């Protein structure tokens, strides 16, 4: 099995290699995006198998309801304030099927990582919070003050070329040119705390006992506690053969999530 992380090129015309992030609480994400431990709208994480495998279930984390309200971009008249994940089933280079999954868990007041260990910091993975609403992308970034407050920056999304509208007649599809959008983020300031939690994990990589302790504490907290980590088990019905799975975030709301596990046919104990 091979795992690769990618991010949209700043020119907006392709994918370039990115770094994989993993921790024992959330799972897999793409490092140094909007948030370290998650997959953001301009990122994707691909899990490639050693041949054709049948996928029965996928576990995701950090899928919440209430992200937009917390980060100041909620529109009561807009779409439901719920995070959405995209899963693409691949055979070779072809996408044979795909699906979207909605968040199910209400965003807690206290981050799950901090419940597991006091070493972790609230927003310790956050570089930028990116929210897409209608034709405007909003970015939560550090404020220009000494009180730690944030500010909301907005970038308009260009309208579809009128000459191309006929192509999409009768199809619920929107074409968006990412070039100007991604370039617009280049000058947005980053949160200084964005690397804190990743550094905690990096320092613990050589301590197998510590990593196992963090994982055990997280598992116990999810089973006996009331605090959710935004986890969602997705049954793949019918079970689908694939050579790889690609995980992507979609436009709309504050969509970002982590990959917590994949169950293949014949792997259940």
C-alpha atoms as a PDB file:
ATOM      1  CA  UNK A   1       0.000   0.000   0.000  1.00  0.00           C
ATOM      2  CA  UNK A   2       1.254   3.490  -0.903  1.00  0.00           C
ATOM      3  CA  UNK A   3      -0.048   6.831   0.397  1.00  0.00           C
ATOM      4  CA  UNK A   4       0.587  10.081  -1.489  1.00  0.00           C
ATOM      5  CA  UNK A   5      -0.374  13.660  -0.735  1.00  0.00           C
ATOM      6  CA  UNK A   6      -0.778  16.364  -3.377  1.00  0.00           C
ATOM      7  CA  UNK A   7      -1.679  20.030  -3.601  1.00  0.00           C
ATOM      8  CA  UNK A   8      -2.815  22.201  -6.507  1.00  0.00           C
ATOM      9  CA  UNK A   9       0.086  23.968  -8.200  1.00  0.00           C
ATOM     10  CA  UNK A  10       0.101  27.737  -7.626  1.00  0.00           C
ATOM     11  CA  UNK A  11      -0.510  28.147 -11.351  1.00  0.00           C
ATOM     12  CA  UNK A  12      -3.731  26.165 -10.909  1.00  0.00           C
ATOM     13  CA  UNK A  13      -3.021  23.751 -13.766  1.00  0.00           C
ATOM     14  CA  UNK A  14      -2.013  20.537 -12.015  1.00  0.00           C
ATOM     15  CA  UNK A  15      -1.078  18.653  -8.865  1.00  0.00           C
ATOM     16  CA  UNK A  16       2.305  18.771  -7.139  1.00  0.00           C
ATOM     17  CA  UNK A  17       3.663  16.536  -4.336  1.00  0.00           C
ATOM     18  CA  UNK A  18       2.883  17.563  -0.760  1.00  0.00           C
ATOM     19  CA  UNK A  19       3.771  16.133   2.655  1.00  0.00           C
ATOM     20  CA  UNK A  20       1.629  13.582   4.488  1.00  0.00           C
ATOM     21  CA  UNK A  21       0.528  14.313   8.045  1.00  0.00           C
ATOM     22  CA  UNK A  22      -0.461  11.623  10.560  1.00  0.00           C
ATOM     23  CA  UNK A  23      -1.362  11.602  14.210  1.00  0.00           C
ATOM     24  CA  UNK A  24      -2.935   8.912  16.426  1.00  0.00           C
ATOM     25  CA  UNK A  25      -6.054  11.005  17.152  1.00  0.00           C
ATOM     26  CA  UNK A  26      -7.217  12.174  13.720  1.00  0.00           C
ATOM     27  CA  UNK A  27      -5.484   9.989  11.161  1.00  0.00           C
ATOM     28  CA  UNK A  28      -4.060  11.146   7.831  1.00  0.00           C
ATOM     29  CA  UNK A  29      -4.098  14.635   6.328  1.00  0.00           C
ATOM     30  CA  UNK A  30      -1.951  16.889   4.137  1.00  0.00           C
ATOM     31  CA  UNK A  31       0.710  18.918   5.943  1.00  0.00           C
ATOM     32  CA  UNK A  32       0.952  22.721   5.671  1.00  0.00           C
ATOM     33  CA  UNK A  33      -2.357  23.453   4.002  1.00  0.00           C
ATOM     34  CA  UNK A  34      -5.153  25.388   5.648  1.00  0.00           C
ATOM     35  CA  UNK A  35      -4.863  22.987   8.566  1.00  0.00           C
ATOM     36  CA  UNK A  36      -2.104  20.411   9.081  1.00  0.00           C
ATOM     37  CA  UNK A  37      -4.146  17.375  10.045  1.00  0.00           C
ATOM     38  CA  UNK A  38      -6.849  17.686   7.389  1.00  0.00           C
ATOM     39  CA  UNK A  39      -7.469  17.619   3.626  1.00  0.00           C
ATOM     40  CA  UNK A  40      -8.399  21.069   2.329  1.00  0.00           C
ATOM     41  CA  UNK A  41     -10.201  22.131  -0.838  1.00  0.00           C
ATOM     42  CA  UNK A  42      -6.995  22.376  -2.912  1.00  0.00           C
ATOM     43  CA  UNK A  43      -5.473  19.121  -1.638  1.00  0.00           C
ATOM     44  CA  UNK A  44      -5.955  15.384  -2.109  1.00  0.00           C
ATOM     45  CA  UNK A  45      -4.725  12.248  -0.388  1.00  0.00           C
ATOM     46  CA  UNK A  46      -4.490   9.009  -2.407  1.00  0.00           C
ATOM     47  CA  UNK A  47      -4.192   5.516  -0.926  1.00  0.00           C
ATOM     48  CA  UNK A  48      -2.970   3.058  -3.598  1.00  0.00           C
ATOM     49  CA  UNK A  49      -3.305  -0.699  -3.037  1.00  0.00           C
ATOM     50  CA  UNK A  50      -1.020  -3.475  -4.249  1.00  0.00           C
ATOM     51  CA  UNK A  51      -3.475  -4.499  -6.953  1.00  0.00           C
ATOM     52  CA  UNK A  52      -7.269  -4.632  -7.052  1.00  0.00           C
ATOM     53  CA  UNK A  53      -8.881  -4.619  -3.586  1.00  0.00           C
ATOM     54  CA  UNK A  54     -12.546  -4.568  -2.544  1.00  0.00           C
ATOM     55  CA  UNK A  55     -13.345  -1.641  -0.232  1.00  0.00           C
ATOM     56  CA  UNK A  56     -16.060  -2.333   2.357  1.00  0.00           C
ATOM     57  CA  UNK A  57     -15.814   0.635   4.727  1.00  0.00           C
ATOM     58  CA  UNK A  58     -13.991   3.937   5.163  1.00  0.00           C
ATOM     59  CA  UNK A  59     -13.454   5.807   8.427  1.00  0.00           C
ATOM     60  CA  UNK A  60     -13.157   9.611   8.377  1.00  0.00           C
ATOM     61  CA  UNK A  61     -12.641  12.127  11.187  1.00  0.00           C
ATOM     62  CA  UNK A  62     -13.006  15.902  11.721  1.00  0.00           C
ATOM     63  CA  UNK A  63     -16.333  16.024   9.839  1.00  0.00           C
ATOM     64  CA  UNK A  64     -18.501  18.450  11.773  1.00  0.00           C
ATOM     65  CA  UNK A  65     -21.663  20.522  11.776  1.00  0.00           C
ATOM     66  CA  UNK A  66     -21.156  24.092  12.982  1.00  0.00           C
ATOM     67  CA  UNK A  67     -17.780  25.034  11.485  1.00  0.00           C
ATOM     68  CA  UNK A  68     -19.149  28.052   9.627  1.00  0.00           C
ATOM     69  CA  UNK A  69     -20.868  29.444  12.710  1.00  0.00           C
ATOM     70  CA  UNK A  70     -17.684  29.292  14.734  1.00  0.00           C
ATOM     71  CA  UNK A  71     -15.537  30.972  12.095  1.00  0.00           C
ATOM     72  CA  UNK A  72     -17.838  33.842  11.279  1.00  0.00           C
ATOM     73  CA  UNK A  73     -18.968  32.924   7.792  1.00  0.00           C
ATOM     74  CA  UNK A  74     -22.344  31.352   8.490  1.00  0.00           C
ATOM     75  CA  UNK A  75     -25.227  32.432   6.265  1.00  0.00           C
ATOM     76  CA  UNK A  76     -28.615  31.337   7.725  1.00  0.00           C
ATOM     77  CA  UNK A  77     -30.145  31.604   4.234  1.00  0.00           C
ATOM     78  CA  UNK A  78     -27.378  29.555   2.634  1.00  0.00           C
ATOM     79  CA  UNK A  79     -26.590  25.867   2.488  1.00  0.00           C
ATOM     80  CA  UNK A  80     -26.604  23.724   5.641  1.00  0.00           C
ATOM     81  CA  UNK A  81     -23.558  24.383   7.820  1.00  0.00           C
ATOM     82  CA  UNK A  82     -22.114  20.899   7.410  1.00  0.00           C
ATOM     83  CA  UNK A  83     -18.715  19.628   6.281  1.00  0.00           C
ATOM     84  CA  UNK A  84     -18.534  17.353   3.249  1.00  0.00           C
ATOM     85  CA  UNK A  85     -15.882  14.840   2.155  1.00  0.00           C
ATOM     86  CA  UNK A  86     -15.333  13.414  -1.323  1.00  0.00           C
ATOM     87  CA  UNK A  87     -14.153   9.841  -1.973  1.00  0.00           C
ATOM     88  CA  UNK A  88     -13.061   8.742  -5.463  1.00  0.00           C
ATOM     89  CA  UNK A  89     -12.678   5.036  -6.347  1.00  0.00           C
ATOM     90  CA  UNK A  90      -9.863   4.547  -8.870  1.00  0.00           C
ATOM     91  CA  UNK A  91      -8.819   1.782 -11.265  1.00  0.00           C
ATOM     92  CA  UNK A  92      -5.528   2.824 -12.702  1.00  0.00           C
ATOM     93  CA  UNK A  93      -5.887   6.473 -13.698  1.00  0.00           C
ATOM     94  CA  UNK A  94      -9.673   6.293 -14.167  1.00  0.00           C
ATOM     95  CA  UNK A  95     -12.300   7.268 -11.597  1.00  0.00           C
ATOM     96  CA  UNK A  96     -14.824   4.395 -11.682  1.00  0.00           C
ATOM     97  CA  UNK A  97     -17.158   5.886  -9.054  1.00  0.00           C
ATOM     98  CA  UNK A  98     -17.259   8.593  -6.429  1.00  0.00           C
ATOM     99  CA  UNK A  99     -19.329   9.639  -3.442  1.00  0.00           C
ATOM    100  CA  UNK A 100     -19.739  12.529  -1.038  1.00  0.00           C
ATOM    101  CA  UNK A 101     -20.250  12.163   2.712  1.00  0.00           C
ATOM    102  CA  UNK A 102     -21.794  14.763   5.020  1.00  0.00           C
ATOM    103  CA  UNK A 103     -20.595  15.515   8.532  1.00  0.00           C
ATOM    104  CA  UNK A 104     -22.738  14.136  11.333  1.00  0.00           C
ATOM    105  CA  UNK A 105     -21.230  15.478  14.564  1.00  0.00           C
ATOM    106  CA  UNK A 106     -21.789  18.862  16.175  1.00  0.00           C
ATOM    107  CA  UNK A 107     -18.529  20.787  16.546  1.00  0.00           C
ATOM    108  CA  UNK A 108     -17.509  20.558  20.237  1.00  0.00           C
ATOM    109  CA  UNK A 109     -16.471  23.542  22.305  1.00  0.00           C
ATOM    110  CA  UNK A 110     -13.256  21.817  23.365  1.00  0.00           C
ATOM    111  CA  UNK A 111     -10.869  20.291  20.803  1.00  0.00           C
ATOM    112  CA  UNK A 112     -10.495  16.525  21.042  1.00  0.00           C
ATOM    113  CA  UNK A 113      -6.683  16.689  20.826  1.00  0.00           C
ATOM    114  CA  UNK A 114      -6.515  18.718  24.041  1.00  0.00           C
ATOM    115  CA  UNK A 115      -8.662  16.176  25.854  1.00  0.00           C
ATOM    116  CA  UNK A 116      -6.190  13.451  24.838  1.00  0.00           C
ATOM    117  CA  UNK A 117      -3.108  15.390  25.951  1.00  0.00           C
ATOM    118  CA  UNK A 118      -2.374  18.835  27.379  1.00  0.00           C
ATOM    119  CA  UNK A 119       0.621  19.006  25.009  1.00  0.00           C
ATOM    120  CA  UNK A 120      -1.733  19.857  22.159  1.00  0.00           C
ATOM    121  CA  UNK A 121      -2.986  23.404  21.638  1.00  0.00           C
ATOM    122  CA  UNK A 122      -6.318  24.662  20.358  1.00  0.00           C
ATOM    123  CA  UNK A 123      -5.851  25.626  16.685  1.00  0.00           C
ATOM    124  CA  UNK A 124      -2.355  24.134  16.933  1.00  0.00           C
ATOM    125  CA  UNK A 125      -2.852  22.697  13.430  1.00  0.00           C
ATOM    126  CA  UNK A 126      -4.505  25.778  11.969  1.00  0.00           C
ATOM    127  CA  UNK A 127      -2.684  27.824   9.343  1.00  0.00           C
ATOM    128  CA  UNK A 128      -5.757  29.301   7.679  1.00  0.00           C
ATOM    129  CA  UNK A 129      -9.456  28.501   7.853  1.00  0.00           C
ATOM    130  CA  UNK A 130     -10.911  28.552   4.332  1.00  0.00           C
ATOM    131  CA  UNK A 131     -14.681  28.774   3.830  1.00  0.00           C
ATOM    132  CA  UNK A 132     -16.473  28.780   0.465  1.00  0.00           C
ATOM    133  CA  UNK A 133     -19.914  30.399   0.314  1.00  0.00           C
ATOM    134  CA  UNK A 134     -21.675  31.076  -2.996  1.00  0.00           C
ATOM    135  CA  UNK A 135     -19.268  33.147  -5.144  1.00  0.00           C
ATOM    136  CA  UNK A 136     -16.965  34.270  -2.323  1.00  0.00           C
ATOM    137  CA  UNK A 137     -14.098  32.453  -0.587  1.00  0.00           C
ATOM    138  CA  UNK A 138     -13.408  33.650   2.952  1.00  0.00           C
ATOM    139  CA  UNK A 139     -10.155  33.047   4.821  1.00  0.00           C
ATOM    140  CA  UNK A 140      -9.834  33.324   8.592  1.00  0.00           C
ATOM    141  CA  UNK A 141      -6.328  34.692   9.244  1.00  0.00           C
ATOM    142  CA  UNK A 142      -4.445  36.270  12.167  1.00  0.00           C
ATOM    143  CA  UNK A 143      -5.594  39.790  12.920  1.00  0.00           C
ATOM    144  CA  UNK A 144      -3.242  42.752  12.782  1.00  0.00           C
ATOM    145  CA  UNK A 145      -3.367  43.263  16.534  1.00  0.00           C
ATOM    146  CA  UNK A 146      -1.792  41.943  19.719  1.00  0.00           C
ATOM    147  CA  UNK A 147      -4.944  40.339  21.190  1.00  0.00           C
ATOM    148  CA  UNK A 148      -4.845  37.163  19.119  1.00  0.00           C
ATOM    149  CA  UNK A 149      -8.110  37.981  17.371  1.00  0.00           C
ATOM    150  CA  UNK A 150      -8.764  36.817  13.844  1.00  0.00           C
ATOM    151  CA  UNK A 151     -10.032  38.622  10.797  1.00  0.00           C
ATOM    152  CA  UNK A 152     -12.040  37.437   7.826  1.00  0.00           C
ATOM    153  CA  UNK A 153     -10.535  38.093   4.377  1.00  0.00           C
ATOM    154  CA  UNK A 154     -12.609  37.524   1.235  1.00  0.00           C
ATOM    155  CA  UNK A 155     -11.763  36.670  -2.377  1.00  0.00           C
ATOM    156  CA  UNK A 156     -14.459  36.735  -5.093  1.00  0.00           C
ATOM    157  CA  UNK A 157     -14.745  33.783  -7.453  1.00  0.00           C
ATOM    158  CA  UNK A 158     -15.051  34.784 -11.114  1.00  0.00           C
ATOM    159  CA  UNK A 159     -18.326  34.025 -12.854  1.00  0.00           C
ATOM    160  CA  UNK A 160     -18.504  31.297 -15.495  1.00  0.00           C
ATOM    161  CA  UNK A 161     -17.642  32.419 -19.011  1.00  0.00           C
ATOM    162  CA  UNK A 162     -20.981  33.166 -20.715  1.00  0.00           C
ATOM    163  CA  UNK A 163     -19.807  31.376 -23.872  1.00  0.00           C
ATOM    164  CA  UNK A 164     -19.417  28.153 -21.896  1.00  0.00           C
ATOM    165  CA  UNK A 165     -22.792  28.091 -20.169  1.00  0.00           C
ATOM    166  CA  UNK A 166     -24.411  26.023 -22.948  1.00  0.00           C
ATOM    167  CA  UNK A 167     -21.958  23.204 -22.257  1.00  0.00           C
ATOM    168  CA  UNK A 168     -23.480  22.710 -18.801  1.00  0.00           C
ATOM    169  CA  UNK A 169     -27.138  23.099 -19.764  1.00  0.00           C
ATOM    170  CA  UNK A 170     -29.247  20.675 -17.743  1.00  0.00           C
ATOM    171  CA  UNK A 171     -26.285  19.556 -15.626  1.00  0.00           C
ATOM    172  CA  UNK A 172     -25.829  20.589 -11.993  1.00  0.00           C
ATOM    173  CA  UNK A 173     -22.175  21.497 -12.473  1.00  0.00           C
ATOM    174  CA  UNK A 174     -20.101  24.620 -11.826  1.00  0.00           C
ATOM    175  CA  UNK A 175     -16.710  25.208 -13.422  1.00  0.00           C
ATOM    176  CA  UNK A 176     -14.310  27.227 -11.311  1.00  0.00           C
ATOM    177  CA  UNK A 177     -10.850  28.421 -12.374  1.00  0.00           C
ATOM    178  CA  UNK A 178      -8.612  27.897  -9.344  1.00  0.00           C
ATOM    179  CA  UNK A 179      -5.692  29.973 -10.630  1.00  0.00           C
ATOM    180  CA  UNK A 180      -6.646  33.388  -9.265  1.00  0.00           C
ATOM    181  CA  UNK A 181      -8.153  31.861  -6.131  1.00  0.00           C
ATOM    182  CA  UNK A 182      -5.003  30.007  -5.101  1.00  0.00           C
ATOM    183  CA  UNK A 183      -2.725  32.896  -6.038  1.00  0.00           C
ATOM    184  CA  UNK A 184      -4.894  35.117  -3.858  1.00  0.00           C
ATOM    185  CA  UNK A 185      -3.939  33.071  -0.789  1.00  0.00           C
ATOM    186  CA  UNK A 186      -0.206  33.537  -1.229  1.00  0.00           C
ATOM    187  CA  UNK A 187      -0.093  36.797   0.708  1.00  0.00           C
ATOM    188  CA  UNK A 188      -2.522  35.770   3.453  1.00  0.00           C
ATOM    189  CA  UNK A 189      -0.713  35.597   6.819  1.00  0.00           C
ATOM    190  CA  UNK A 190      -0.419  32.253   8.605  1.00  0.00           C
ATOM    191  CA  UNK A 191      -1.197  31.496  12.243  1.00  0.00           C
ATOM    192  CA  UNK A 192       2.037  31.160  14.201  1.00  0.00           C
ATOM    193  CA  UNK A 193       0.539  28.248  16.148  1.00  0.00           C
ATOM    194  CA  UNK A 194      -0.088  26.236  12.987  1.00  0.00           C
ATOM    195  CA  UNK A 195       2.917  23.966  13.410  1.00  0.00           C
ATOM    196  CA  UNK A 196       2.613  23.389  17.174  1.00  0.00           C
ATOM    197  CA  UNK A 197       0.659  20.117  17.182  1.00  0.00           C
ATOM    198  CA  UNK A 198       2.650  18.724  14.254  1.00  0.00           C
ATOM    199  CA  UNK A 199       5.837  19.417  16.188  1.00  0.00           C
ATOM    200  CA  UNK A 200       4.465  17.509  19.196  1.00  0.00           C
ATOM    201  CA  UNK A 201       3.852  14.477  16.984  1.00  0.00           C
ATOM    202  CA  UNK A 202       7.241  14.868  15.273  1.00  0.00           C
ATOM    203  CA  UNK A 203       8.988  14.843  18.653  1.00  0.00           C
ATOM    204  CA  UNK A 204       7.093  11.679  19.645  1.00  0.00           C
ATOM    205  CA  UNK A 205       7.852   9.640  16.496  1.00  0.00           C
ATOM    206  CA  UNK A 206      10.801   7.828  18.087  1.00  0.00           C
ATOM    207  CA  UNK A 207       8.832   7.016  21.242  1.00  0.00           C
ATOM    208  CA  UNK A 208       6.574   4.102  20.317  1.00  0.00           C
ATOM    209  CA  UNK A 209       5.210   3.834  23.860  1.00  0.00           C
ATOM    210  CA  UNK A 210       4.156   7.504  23.861  1.00  0.00           C
ATOM    211  CA  UNK A 211       2.429   7.203  20.482  1.00  0.00           C
ATOM    212  CA  UNK A 212       0.595   4.102  21.640  1.00  0.00           C
ATOM    213  CA  UNK A 213      -0.429   5.871  24.848  1.00  0.00           C
ATOM    214  CA  UNK A 214      -1.870   8.787  22.858  1.00  0.00           C
ATOM    215  CA  UNK A 215      -3.763   6.387  20.626  1.00  0.00           C
ATOM    216  CA  UNK A 216      -5.115   4.361  23.574  1.00  0.00           C
ATOM    217  CA  UNK A 217      -6.250   7.515  25.379  1.00  0.00           C
ATOM    218  CA  UNK A 218      -7.986   8.760  22.229  1.00  0.00           C
ATOM    219  CA  UNK A 219      -9.768   5.438  21.688  1.00  0.00           C
ATOM    220  CA  UNK A 220     -10.927   5.295  25.317  1.00  0.00           C
ATOM    221  CA  UNK A 221     -12.144   8.900  25.174  1.00  0.00           C
ATOM    222  CA  UNK A 222     -14.245   8.240  22.090  1.00  0.00           C
ATOM    223  CA  UNK A 223     -15.806   5.091  23.568  1.00  0.00           C
ATOM    224  CA  UNK A 224     -16.646   6.284  27.082  1.00  0.00           C
ATOM    225  CA  UNK A 225     -16.709  10.071  26.665  1.00  0.00           C
ATOM    226  CA  UNK A 226     -19.217  12.445  25.154  1.00  0.00           C
ATOM    227  CA  UNK A 227     -16.737  14.437  23.043  1.00  0.00           C
ATOM    228  CA  UNK A 228     -16.722  13.601  19.351  1.00  0.00           C
ATOM    229  CA  UNK A 229     -13.762  13.751  17.022  1.00  0.00           C
ATOM    230  CA  UNK A 230     -16.117  14.178  14.085  1.00  0.00           C
ATOM    231  CA  UNK A 231     -15.741  10.503  13.194  1.00  0.00           C
ATOM    232  CA  UNK A 232     -17.875   8.823  10.608  1.00  0.00           C
ATOM    233  CA  UNK A 233     -17.854   5.225   9.417  1.00  0.00           C
ATOM    234  CA  UNK A 234     -18.923   5.012   5.776  1.00  0.00           C
ATOM    235  CA  UNK A 235     -20.228   1.630   4.605  1.00  0.00           C
ATOM    236  CA  UNK A 236     -19.441   1.126   0.910  1.00  0.00           C
ATOM    237  CA  UNK A 237     -22.585  -0.528  -0.444  1.00  0.00           C
ATOM    238  CA  UNK A 238     -22.085  -2.479  -2.554  1.00  0.00           C
ATOM    239  CA  UNK A 239     -18.452  -3.145  -1.686  1.00  0.00           C
ATOM    240  CA  UNK A 240     -16.394  -1.649  -4.516  1.00  0.00           C
ATOM    241  CA  UNK A 241     -13.216  -3.025  -6.158  1.00  0.00           C
ATOM    242  CA  UNK A 242     -10.539  -0.376  -6.688  1.00  0.00           C
ATOM    243  CA  UNK A 243      -6.798  -0.041  -7.103  1.00  0.00           C
ATOM    244  CA  UNK A 244      -6.767   3.235  -5.139  1.00  0.00           C
ATOM    245  CA  UNK A 245      -8.925   5.690  -3.190  1.00  0.00           C
ATOM    246  CA  UNK A 246      -8.523   9.465  -3.518  1.00  0.00           C
ATOM    247  CA  UNK A 247      -9.879  11.708  -0.784  1.00  0.00           C
ATOM    248  CA  UNK A 248     -10.769  15.301  -1.703  1.00  0.00           C
ATOM    249  CA  UNK A 249     -12.610  18.231  -0.155  1.00  0.00           C
ATOM    250  CA  UNK A 250     -15.373  19.909  -2.129  1.00  0.00           C
ATOM    251  CA  UNK A 251     -16.344  23.559  -2.494  1.00  0.00           C
ATOM    252  CA  UNK A 252     -18.935  24.779  -0.022  1.00  0.00           C
ATOM    253  CA  UNK A 253     -18.742  25.484   3.691  1.00  0.00           C
ATOM    254  CA  UNK A 254     -15.577  24.836   5.654  1.00  0.00           C
ATOM    255  CA  UNK A 255     -14.757  21.447   4.198  1.00  0.00           C
ATOM    256  CA  UNK A 256     -11.716  19.664   5.559  1.00  0.00           C
ATOM    257  CA  UNK A 257     -11.344  16.228   7.119  1.00  0.00           C
ATOM    258  CA  UNK A 258      -8.908  13.416   7.984  1.00  0.00           C
ATOM    259  CA  UNK A 259      -8.727   9.792   6.838  1.00  0.00           C
ATOM    260  CA  UNK A 260      -8.890   7.509   9.887  1.00  0.00           C
ATOM    261  CA  UNK A 261      -9.027   4.052   8.274  1.00  0.00           C
ATOM    262  CA  UNK A 262      -9.968   1.794   5.358  1.00  0.00           C
ATOM    263  CA  UNK A 263     -11.516  -1.675   5.702  1.00  0.00           C
ATOM    264  CA  UNK A 264     -10.905  -4.103   2.810  1.00  0.00           C
ATOM    265  CA  UNK A 265     -12.725  -7.362   2.155  1.00  0.00           C
ATOM    266  CA  UNK A 266     -11.110 -10.194   4.111  1.00  0.00           C
ATOM    267  CA  UNK A 267      -9.381  -7.908   6.647  1.00  0.00           C
ATOM    268  CA  UNK A 268     -11.952  -8.008   9.426  1.00  0.00           C
ATOM    269  CA  UNK A 269     -11.038 -10.114  12.427  1.00  0.00           C
END
